[in-house]
Amino acid sequence: MVDDFTRECLALAADTSLSGLRVGRELDRIVALRGRPAMIVSDNGTELTSHAMLRWR
């Protein structure tokens, strides 16, 4: 996960498969450290279009 403004890498998760739940946990960790972003831009990968991500807040 990259901050588009600062180009800082906020999280890097390498695995054979990433679930929406795992992405949500990483986002929760980043929000706890840096606060909630005004906007999130994502691609249409299956982990980002899952029900877990649609429910993430």
Protein backbone atom coordinates (compact mmCIF):
# COMPACT_ATOMS: atom_id res chain seq x y z
CA MET A 1 0.00 0.00 0.00
CA VAL A 2 1.45 3.30 -1.10
CA ASP A 3 0.57 6.84 -0.10
CA ASP A 4 0.15 8.51 -3.50
CA PHE A 5 0.95 11.97 -2.09
CA THR A 6 4.23 11.15 -0.32
CA ARG A 7 5.03 7.98 -2.33
CA GLU A 8 5.72 6.30 1.02
CA CYS A 9 5.16 2.55 1.26
CA LEU A 10 2.74 2.11 4.17
CA ALA A 11 2.50 -1.68 4.00
CA LEU A 12 3.98 -4.48 1.97
CA ALA A 13 2.41 -7.93 2.16
CA ALA A 14 3.81 -10.69 -0.01
CA ASP A 15 2.01 -14.01 -0.14
CA THR A 16 0.66 -16.49 -2.65
CA SER A 17 -2.86 -15.20 -2.02
CA LEU A 18 -4.23 -12.16 -0.17
CA SER A 19 -7.78 -12.21 1.11
CA GLY A 20 -10.01 -9.20 1.62
CA LEU A 21 -9.86 -9.88 5.36
CA ARG A 22 -6.06 -9.65 5.29
CA VAL A 23 -6.18 -6.40 3.33
CA GLY A 24 -8.71 -5.05 5.84
CA ARG A 25 -6.42 -5.95 8.76
CA GLU A 26 -3.53 -4.12 7.07
CA LEU A 27 -5.74 -1.08 6.50
CA ASP A 28 -6.85 -1.18 10.16
CA ARG A 29 -3.19 -1.21 11.23
CA ILE A 30 -2.37 1.77 9.02
CA VAL A 31 -5.44 3.71 10.21
CA ALA A 32 -4.43 3.07 13.84
CA LEU A 33 -0.97 4.49 13.17
CA ARG A 34 -1.71 7.35 10.76
CA GLY A 35 -5.44 8.06 10.88
CA ARG A 36 -8.16 7.45 8.32
CA PRO A 37 -7.35 8.58 4.77
CA ALA A 38 -9.69 10.90 2.91
CA MET A 39 -9.69 8.57 -0.10
CA ILE A 40 -8.57 5.07 -1.03
CA VAL A 41 -7.80 4.24 -4.66
CA SER A 42 -7.60 0.57 -5.62
CA ASP A 43 -7.47 -1.68 -8.62
CA ASN A 44 -10.13 -4.29 -9.32
CA GLY A 45 -8.26 -7.24 -7.83
CA THR A 46 -10.40 -9.91 -6.21
CA GLU A 47 -9.06 -9.09 -2.74
CA LEU A 48 -10.19 -5.48 -3.15
CA THR A 49 -13.65 -6.21 -4.55
CA SER A 50 -14.58 -8.87 -1.98
CA HIS A 51 -17.44 -8.59 0.49
CA ALA A 52 -14.87 -8.18 3.29
CA MET A 53 -13.53 -5.01 1.68
CA LEU A 54 -17.01 -3.70 0.90
CA ARG A 55 -17.84 -4.05 4.62
CA TRP A 56 -14.52 -2.53 5.80
CA ARG A 57 -14.87 0.84 7.52
